[in-house]
Protein backbone atom coordinates (compact mmCIF):
# COMPACT_ATOMS: atom_id res chain seq x y z
CA MET A 1 -20.88 50.30 192.12
CA ALA A 2 -24.56 49.63 191.48
CA LEU A 3 -27.21 49.97 194.12
CA THR A 4 -29.31 46.95 194.91
CA ASN A 5 -33.04 46.95 195.36
CA GLU A 6 -32.48 46.66 199.11
CA ASP A 7 -30.27 49.76 199.04
CA LEU A 8 -32.87 51.70 197.07
CA LEU A 9 -35.62 50.56 199.45
CA ALA A 10 -33.55 51.64 202.47
CA ILE A 11 -32.89 55.04 200.87
CA SER A 12 -36.58 55.41 200.09
CA GLN A 13 -37.55 54.59 203.69
CA LEU A 14 -35.01 57.12 205.03
CA LEU A 15 -36.37 59.79 202.71
CA ASP A 16 -39.94 58.96 203.78
CA VAL A 17 -39.03 59.24 207.46
CA LYS A 18 -37.23 62.55 206.96
CA LEU A 19 -40.01 63.91 204.76
CA ASP A 20 -42.67 62.89 207.29
CA ALA A 21 -40.73 64.55 210.11
CA LYS A 22 -40.24 67.71 208.03
CA LEU A 23 -43.92 67.86 207.05
CA LYS A 24 -45.04 67.28 210.63
CA SER A 25 -42.77 70.03 211.92
CA GLU A 26 -44.01 72.45 209.26
CA LEU A 27 -47.68 71.51 209.72
CA GLN A 28 -47.65 71.85 213.51
CA PRO A 29 -47.77 75.68 213.47
CA LEU A 30 -50.71 75.50 211.06
CA LYS A 31 -52.49 73.04 213.33
CA ASP A 32 -51.85 75.35 216.28
CA ASP A 33 -53.25 78.32 214.35
CA ILE A 34 -56.36 76.34 213.39
CA ARG A 35 -56.85 75.29 217.01
CA ASP A 36 -56.53 78.92 218.13
CA ILE A 37 -59.06 80.03 215.51
CA LYS A 38 -61.52 77.33 216.57
CA LEU A 39 -61.13 78.33 220.21
CA HIS A 40 -61.67 81.99 219.35
CA LEU A 41 -64.79 81.16 217.35
CA GLU A 42 -66.15 79.04 220.16
CA ASN A 43 -65.27 81.31 223.08
CA VAL A 44 -65.59 84.80 221.62
CA THR A 45 -67.41 84.99 218.31
CA ASP A 46 -70.18 82.52 219.15
CA LYS A 47 -70.84 84.26 222.47
CA ASP A 48 -70.90 87.68 220.82
CA ILE A 49 -73.40 86.45 218.24
CA GLN A 50 -75.50 84.91 221.01
CA LEU A 51 -75.50 88.23 222.92
CA LEU A 52 -76.51 90.11 219.79
CA ALA A 53 -79.36 87.69 219.16
CA GLU A 54 -80.51 87.86 222.78
CA ASN A 55 -80.69 91.65 222.57
CA TYR A 56 -82.00 91.91 219.02
CA VAL A 57 -85.00 89.60 219.33
CA PRO A 58 -86.71 91.44 222.22
CA ALA A 59 -86.05 94.80 220.56
CA ALA A 60 -87.45 93.56 217.27
CA LYS A 61 -90.56 92.26 219.03
CA ARG A 62 -91.06 95.60 220.81
CA TYR A 63 -90.70 97.44 217.51
CA GLU A 64 -93.14 95.06 215.81
CA LYS A 65 -95.71 95.68 218.56
CA ALA A 66 -95.13 99.46 218.41
CA VAL A 67 -95.60 99.84 214.64
CA PRO A 68 -99.39 100.28 214.74
CA GLU A 69 -99.08 102.75 217.63
CA ILE A 70 -96.41 104.74 215.78
CA GLN A 71 -98.55 104.81 212.65
CA ALA A 72 -101.53 106.02 214.69
CA MET A 73 -99.39 108.75 216.28
CA GLN A 74 -98.16 109.83 212.84
CA ALA A 75 -101.75 110.09 211.62
CA ASP A 76 -102.63 112.16 214.71
CA ILE A 77 -99.64 114.45 214.09
CA ASP A 78 -100.67 114.93 210.46
CA ILE A 79 -104.19 115.92 211.59
CA MET A 80 -102.76 118.29 214.23
CA LYS A 81 -100.55 119.96 211.61
CA LYS A 82 -103.55 120.51 209.39
CA VAL A 83 -105.68 121.90 212.25
CA ILE A 84 -102.86 124.18 213.43
CA SER A 85 -102.37 125.42 209.89
CA ASP A 86 -106.11 126.10 209.53
CA HIS A 87 -106.18 127.90 212.88
CA SER A 88 -103.17 129.98 211.89
CA GLU A 89 -104.95 131.05 208.71
CA LYS A 90 -108.08 131.96 210.67
CA LEU A 91 -106.03 133.95 213.21
CA LYS A 92 -104.32 135.85 210.38
CA LYS A 93 -107.71 136.76 208.95
CA ILE A 94 -108.96 137.95 212.34
CA SER A 95 -105.95 140.12 213.06
């Protein structure tokens, strides 16, 4: 018994319907996972990055403003070390 073109077309349509249903059922968990990842990125990760940026920028600006003052203090400390060392040498000579 030979199959007609109509029979082959009907078989092809049945296979397409079953394949589509199978693919949809297998892809749904992946779609759910992707949705969960997108929600996590939007609700958690983006907010965490925003909080980091909000805290980092003011701290970076304070540091940038403090750099000259820190450098001046370091220069003062270096001078004080030298003076203390000189005074220690003079005190050793006196005693």
